[in-house]
PDB file of N, CA and C in Angstrom:
ATOM      1  N   MET A   1     -18.142 -21.560  11.392  1.00  0.00           N
ATOM      2  CA  MET A   1     -16.881 -22.413  11.387  1.00  0.00           C
ATOM      3  C   MET A   1     -16.364 -22.855   9.820  1.00  0.00           C
ATOM      4  N   ASP A   2     -16.991 -21.916   8.773  1.00  0.00           N
ATOM      5  CA  ASP A   2     -16.678 -22.197   7.773  1.00  0.00           C
ATOM      6  C   ASP A   2     -15.349 -21.234   7.319  1.00  0.00           C
ATOM      7  N   ASP A   3     -14.981 -20.102   7.736  1.00  0.00           N
ATOM      8  CA  ASP A   3     -14.068 -19.110   8.233  1.00  0.00           C
ATOM      9  C   ASP A   3     -13.121 -19.855   8.525  1.00  0.00           C
ATOM     10  N   THR A   4     -12.727 -20.358   9.618  1.00  0.00           N
ATOM     11  CA  THR A   4     -12.068 -21.311  10.859  1.00  0.00           C
ATOM     12  C   THR A   4     -11.179 -22.748   9.648  1.00  0.00           C
ATOM     13  N   VAL A   5     -12.177 -23.501   8.764  1.00  0.00           N
ATOM     14  CA  VAL A   5     -11.568 -24.256   8.395  1.00  0.00           C
ATOM     15  C   VAL A   5     -10.638 -23.597   6.950  1.00  0.00           C
ATOM     16  N   ASP A   6     -11.468 -22.324   6.050  1.00  0.00           N
ATOM     17  CA  ASP A   6     -11.159 -21.790   5.055  1.00  0.00           C
ATOM     18  C   ASP A   6      -9.080 -21.804   5.554  1.00  0.00           C
ATOM     19  N   LYS A   7      -8.957 -21.021   6.818  1.00  0.00           N
ATOM     20  CA  LYS A   7      -7.813 -20.490   7.064  1.00  0.00           C
ATOM     21  C   LYS A   7      -6.968 -21.749   7.240  1.00  0.00           C
ATOM     22  N   ILE A   8      -7.326 -22.605   7.955  1.00  0.00           N
ATOM     23  CA  ILE A   8      -6.778 -24.029   7.797  1.00  0.00           C
ATOM     24  C   ILE A   8      -6.396 -24.367   6.986  1.00  0.00           C
ATOM     25  N   ASN A   9      -6.927 -24.595   5.782  1.00  0.00           N
ATOM     26  CA  ASN A   9      -6.604 -25.274   4.319  1.00  0.00           C
ATOM     27  C   ASN A   9      -5.243 -24.141   3.763  1.00  0.00           C
ATOM     28  N   ARG A  10      -5.766 -23.028   4.084  1.00  0.00           N
ATOM     29  CA  ARG A  10      -4.637 -22.010   3.427  1.00  0.00           C
ATOM     30  C   ARG A  10      -3.465 -22.122   3.968  1.00  0.00           C
ATOM     31  N   THR A  11      -3.385 -22.657   5.840  1.00  0.00           N
ATOM     32  CA  THR A  11      -1.814 -22.731   6.280  1.00  0.00           C
ATOM     33  C   THR A  11      -1.499 -24.028   5.900  1.00  0.00           C
ATOM     34  N   PHE A  12      -2.302 -25.097   5.875  1.00  0.00           N
ATOM     35  CA  PHE A  12      -1.406 -26.112   5.114  1.00  0.00           C
ATOM     36  C   PHE A  12      -0.849 -26.125   4.190  1.00  0.00           C
ATOM     37  N   LEU A  13      -1.778 -24.995   2.983  1.00  0.00           N
ATOM     38  CA  LEU A  13      -1.217 -24.962   1.456  1.00  0.00           C
ATOM     39  C   LEU A  13       0.129 -24.004   1.457  1.00  0.00           C
ATOM     40  N   THR A  14       0.089 -23.341   2.796  1.00  0.00           N
ATOM     41  CA  THR A  14       1.448 -22.166   2.836  1.00  0.00           C
ATOM     42  C   THR A  14       2.687 -22.617   3.434  1.00  0.00           C
ATOM     43  N   SER A  15       2.489 -23.490   4.301  1.00  0.00           N
ATOM     44  CA  SER A  15       3.461 -23.921   5.460  1.00  0.00           C
ATOM     45  C   SER A  15       4.166 -25.196   5.174  1.00  0.00           C
ATOM     46  N   TYR A  16       3.888 -25.974   4.039  1.00  0.00           N
ATOM     47  CA  TYR A  16       5.015 -26.773   3.591  1.00  0.00           C
ATOM     48  C   TYR A  16       6.086 -27.072   3.539  1.00  0.00           C
ATOM     49  N   ASP A  17       7.128 -27.733   3.640  1.00  0.00           N
ATOM     50  CA  ASP A  17       8.537 -27.356   2.960  1.00  0.00           C
ATOM     51  C   ASP A  17       8.708 -28.342   1.221  1.00  0.00           C
ATOM     52  N   ARG A  18       8.918 -26.491   0.786  1.00  0.00           N
ATOM     53  CA  ARG A  18       8.517 -27.078  -0.752  1.00  0.00           C
ATOM     54  C   ARG A  18       9.527 -28.452  -1.601  1.00  0.00           C
ATOM     55  N   GLU A  19      10.607 -28.675  -0.816  1.00  0.00           N
ATOM     56  CA  GLU A  19      11.488 -29.606  -0.845  1.00  0.00           C
ATOM     57  C   GLU A  19      11.353 -31.179  -0.891  1.00  0.00           C
ATOM     58  N   SER A  20      10.123 -31.158   0.197  1.00  0.00           N
ATOM     59  CA  SER A  20       9.755 -32.233   0.329  1.00  0.00           C
ATOM     60  C   SER A  20       8.748 -33.175   0.033  1.00  0.00           C
ATOM     61  N   GLU A  21       8.714 -33.918  -1.038  1.00  0.00           N
ATOM     62  CA  GLU A  21       7.274 -34.371  -1.818  1.00  0.00           C
ATOM     63  C   GLU A  21       6.511 -35.126  -0.986  1.00  0.00           C
ATOM     64  N   GLU A  22       7.047 -35.802   0.133  1.00  0.00           N
ATOM     65  CA  GLU A  22       6.299 -36.643   1.062  1.00  0.00           C
ATOM     66  C   GLU A  22       5.602 -35.708   1.277  1.00  0.00           C
ATOM     67  N   GLU A  23       6.031 -34.412   2.151  1.00  0.00           N
ATOM     68  CA  GLU A  23       5.115 -33.234   2.885  1.00  0.00           C
ATOM     69  C   GLU A  23       3.883 -32.471   2.171  1.00  0.00           C
ATOM     70  N   LEU A  24       4.261 -32.312   0.624  1.00  0.00           N
ATOM     71  CA  LEU A  24       3.446 -32.012  -0.169  1.00  0.00           C
ATOM     72  C   LEU A  24       2.296 -32.769  -0.154  1.00  0.00           C
ATOM     73  N   GLU A  25       2.633 -34.643  -0.362  1.00  0.00           N
ATOM     74  CA  GLU A  25       1.348 -35.429  -0.421  1.00  0.00           C
ATOM     75  C   GLU A  25       0.611 -35.405   0.958  1.00  0.00           C
ATOM     76  N   LEU A  26       1.359 -35.583   1.403  1.00  0.00           N
ATOM     77  CA  LEU A  26       0.243 -35.237   3.116  1.00  0.00           C
ATOM     78  C   LEU A  26      -0.795 -34.447   3.380  1.00  0.00           C
ATOM     79  N   THR A  27       0.374 -33.285   2.992  1.00  0.00           N
ATOM     80  CA  THR A  27      -0.702 -32.057   3.167  1.00  0.00           C
ATOM     81  C   THR A  27      -1.689 -31.990   2.100  1.00  0.00           C
ATOM     82  N   ILE A  28      -1.943 -32.261   0.700  1.00  0.00           N
ATOM     83  CA  ILE A  28      -2.791 -32.614   0.060  1.00  0.00           C
ATOM     84  C   ILE A  28      -3.809 -33.239   0.561  1.00  0.00           C
ATOM     85  N   ARG A  29      -3.074 -34.376   0.768  1.00  0.00           N
ATOM     86  CA  ARG A  29      -4.524 -35.254   1.607  1.00  0.00           C
ATOM     87  C   ARG A  29      -5.268 -34.404   2.721  1.00  0.00           C
ATOM     88  N   VAL A  30      -4.563 -34.262   3.781  1.00  0.00           N
ATOM     89  CA  VAL A  30      -5.173 -33.379   4.508  1.00  0.00           C
ATOM     90  C   VAL A  30      -6.387 -32.051   4.180  1.00  0.00           C
ATOM     91  N   VAL A  31      -5.824 -31.515   3.425  1.00  0.00           N
ATOM     92  CA  VAL A  31      -6.435 -30.316   2.798  1.00  0.00           C
ATOM     93  C   VAL A  31      -8.031 -31.218   2.252  1.00  0.00           C
ATOM     94  N   MET A  32      -7.748 -32.420   1.096  1.00  0.00           N
ATOM     95  CA  MET A  32      -8.858 -32.807   1.020  1.00  0.00           C
ATOM     96  C   MET A  32      -9.871 -33.373   1.790  1.00  0.00           C
ATOM     97  N   VAL A  33      -9.098 -33.890   2.701  1.00  0.00           N
ATOM     98  CA  VAL A  33     -10.069 -34.508   4.422  1.00  0.00           C
ATOM     99  C   VAL A  33     -10.773 -33.706   4.521  1.00  0.00           C
ATOM    100  N   ALA A  34     -10.339 -32.301   4.721  1.00  0.00           N
ATOM    101  CA  ALA A  34     -10.884 -31.455   5.331  1.00  0.00           C
ATOM    102  C   ALA A  34     -11.948 -30.334   4.283  1.00  0.00           C
ATOM    103  N   ARG A  35     -11.735 -30.098   3.129  1.00  0.00           N
ATOM    104  CA  ARG A  35     -12.802 -29.911   2.123  1.00  0.00           C
ATOM    105  C   ARG A  35     -14.202 -30.924   1.754  1.00  0.00           C
ATOM    106  N   PHE A  36     -13.812 -32.373   2.529  1.00  0.00           N
ATOM    107  CA  PHE A  36     -14.496 -33.799   2.065  1.00  0.00           C
ATOM    108  C   PHE A  36     -15.547 -33.440   3.462  1.00  0.00           C
ATOM    109  N   LEU A  37     -14.879 -33.274   4.340  1.00  0.00           N
ATOM    110  CA  LEU A  37     -15.838 -33.071   6.041  1.00  0.00           C
ATOM    111  C   LEU A  37     -16.617 -31.599   5.665  1.00  0.00           C
ATOM    112  N   GLU A  38     -16.253 -30.598   5.209  1.00  0.00           N
ATOM    113  CA  GLU A  38     -16.846 -29.577   5.088  1.00  0.00           C
ATOM    114  C   GLU A  38     -18.025 -29.628   4.454  1.00  0.00           C
ATOM    115  N   ARG A  39     -17.944 -30.257   3.560  1.00  0.00           N
ATOM    116  CA  ARG A  39     -18.868 -31.203   2.341  1.00  0.00           C
ATOM    117  C   ARG A  39     -20.090 -31.690   2.932  1.00  0.00           C
ATOM    118  N   ILE A  40     -19.708 -32.626   3.869  1.00  0.00           N
ATOM    119  CA  ILE A  40     -20.549 -33.496   4.759  1.00  0.00           C
ATOM    120  C   ILE A  40     -21.180 -32.521   5.779  1.00  0.00           C
ATOM    121  N   ALA A  41     -20.670 -31.566   6.291  1.00  0.00           N
ATOM    122  CA  ALA A  41     -21.149 -30.178   7.243  1.00  0.00           C
ATOM    123  C   ALA A  41     -22.240 -29.718   6.886  1.00  0.00           C
ATOM    124  N   ASP A  42     -21.849 -28.896   5.050  1.00  0.00           N
ATOM    125  CA  ASP A  42     -22.890 -28.732   4.755  1.00  0.00           C
ATOM    126  C   ASP A  42     -23.969 -29.462   4.459  1.00  0.00           C
ATOM    127  N   HIS A  43     -24.031 -30.385   3.926  1.00  0.00           N
ATOM    128  CA  HIS A  43     -25.207 -31.010   3.968  1.00  0.00           C
ATOM    129  C   HIS A  43     -26.040 -31.711   4.745  1.00  0.00           C
ATOM    130  N   ALA A  44     -25.241 -31.762   6.165  1.00  0.00           N
ATOM    131  CA  ALA A  44     -26.096 -31.841   7.553  1.00  0.00           C
ATOM    132  C   ALA A  44     -26.966 -30.549   7.816  1.00  0.00           C
ATOM    133  N   VAL A  45     -26.407 -29.556   7.414  1.00  0.00           N
ATOM    134  CA  VAL A  45     -27.203 -28.258   7.907  1.00  0.00           C
ATOM    135  C   VAL A  45     -28.305 -28.707   6.361  1.00  0.00           C
ATOM    136  N   ASP A  46     -28.114 -28.626   5.419  1.00  0.00           N
ATOM    137  CA  ASP A  46     -29.555 -28.772   4.475  1.00  0.00           C
ATOM    138  C   ASP A  46     -30.328 -29.661   4.657  1.00  0.00           C
ATOM    139  N   ILE A  47     -29.666 -30.639   5.529  1.00  0.00           N
ATOM    140  CA  ILE A  47     -30.962 -32.124   5.937  1.00  0.00           C
ATOM    141  C   ILE A  47     -31.416 -31.539   7.143  1.00  0.00           C
ATOM    142  N   GLY A  48     -31.224 -30.328   8.303  1.00  0.00           N
ATOM    143  CA  GLY A  48     -31.460 -30.088   8.972  1.00  0.00           C
ATOM    144  C   GLY A  48     -32.952 -28.783   8.717  1.00  0.00           C
ATOM    145  N   GLU A  49     -32.283 -28.246   7.904  1.00  0.00           N
ATOM    146  CA  GLU A  49     -33.309 -27.110   7.296  1.00  0.00           C
ATOM    147  C   GLU A  49     -34.974 -27.721   7.166  1.00  0.00           C
ATOM    148  N   GLN A  50     -34.394 -28.865   6.079  1.00  0.00           N
ATOM    149  CA  GLN A  50     -35.224 -29.408   5.487  1.00  0.00           C
ATOM    150  C   GLN A  50     -36.531 -30.478   6.313  1.00  0.00           C
ATOM    151  N   VAL A  51     -35.487 -30.819   7.268  1.00  0.00           N
ATOM    152  CA  VAL A  51     -36.509 -31.097   8.276  1.00  0.00           C
ATOM    153  C   VAL A  51     -37.073 -30.627   9.614  1.00  0.00           C
ATOM    154  N   ARG A  52     -36.804 -29.179   9.409  1.00  0.00           N
ATOM    155  CA  ARG A  52     -37.199 -27.914  10.401  1.00  0.00           C
ATOM    156  C   ARG A  52     -38.219 -27.634   9.273  1.00  0.00           C
ATOM    157  N   TYR A  53     -38.628 -27.492   8.368  1.00  0.00           N
ATOM    158  CA  TYR A  53     -39.386 -27.085   6.709  1.00  0.00           C
ATOM    159  C   TYR A  53     -40.454 -28.284   7.033  1.00  0.00           C
ATOM    160  N   MET A  54     -40.386 -29.651   7.530  1.00  0.00           N
ATOM    161  CA  MET A  54     -40.932 -30.533   7.157  1.00  0.00           C
ATOM    162  C   MET A  54     -42.047 -30.717   8.495  1.00  0.00           C
ATOM    163  N   VAL A  55     -41.638 -30.284   9.361  1.00  0.00           N
ATOM    164  CA  VAL A  55     -42.370 -30.289  11.171  1.00  0.00           C
ATOM    165  C   VAL A  55     -42.477 -28.855  11.631  1.00  0.00           C
ATOM    166  N   ILE A  56     -42.293 -27.923  11.452  1.00  0.00           N
ATOM    167  CA  ILE A  56     -42.539 -26.507  11.377  1.00  0.00           C
ATOM    168  C   ILE A  56     -43.510 -25.872  10.461  1.00  0.00           C
ATOM    169  N   GLY A  57     -42.995 -26.153   8.960  1.00  0.00           N
ATOM    170  CA  GLY A  57     -43.470 -25.532   8.360  1.00  0.00           C
ATOM    171  C   GLY A  57     -42.563 -24.576   7.834  1.00  0.00           C
ATOM    172  N   GLU A  58     -41.713 -24.018   8.622  1.00  0.00           N
ATOM    173  CA  GLU A  58     -41.005 -22.839   8.139  1.00  0.00           C
ATOM    174  C   GLU A  58     -39.322 -22.706   7.824  1.00  0.00           C
ATOM    175  N   PHE A  59     -39.455 -22.115   6.568  1.00  0.00           N
ATOM    176  CA  PHE A  59     -37.760 -22.234   6.176  1.00  0.00           C
ATOM    177  C   PHE A  59     -37.043 -21.032   6.546  1.00  0.00           C
ATOM    178  N   VAL A  60     -35.994 -21.332   7.103  1.00  0.00           N
ATOM    179  CA  VAL A  60     -34.886 -20.641   7.582  1.00  0.00           C
ATOM    180  C   VAL A  60     -33.817 -21.058   6.893  1.00  0.00           C
ATOM    181  N   GLU A  61     -33.231 -19.757   6.290  1.00  0.00           N
ATOM    182  CA  GLU A  61     -31.823 -20.389   5.475  1.00  0.00           C
ATOM    183  C   GLU A  61     -30.426 -19.752   5.897  1.00  0.00           C
TER     184      GLU A  61
END
């Protein structure tokens, strides 16, 4: 899903109307939220890997 999120971010950054400051601000906010959600997902994966290691003793990256 990481590639999908990156593609969506690029689409937002290239598709806004360059004349509209309001649209640019909204686009920046949406991209920032998408990045924050991606970081949350990365942390969740890391936590899952650590829990698996603690329970099973096997580290899978």
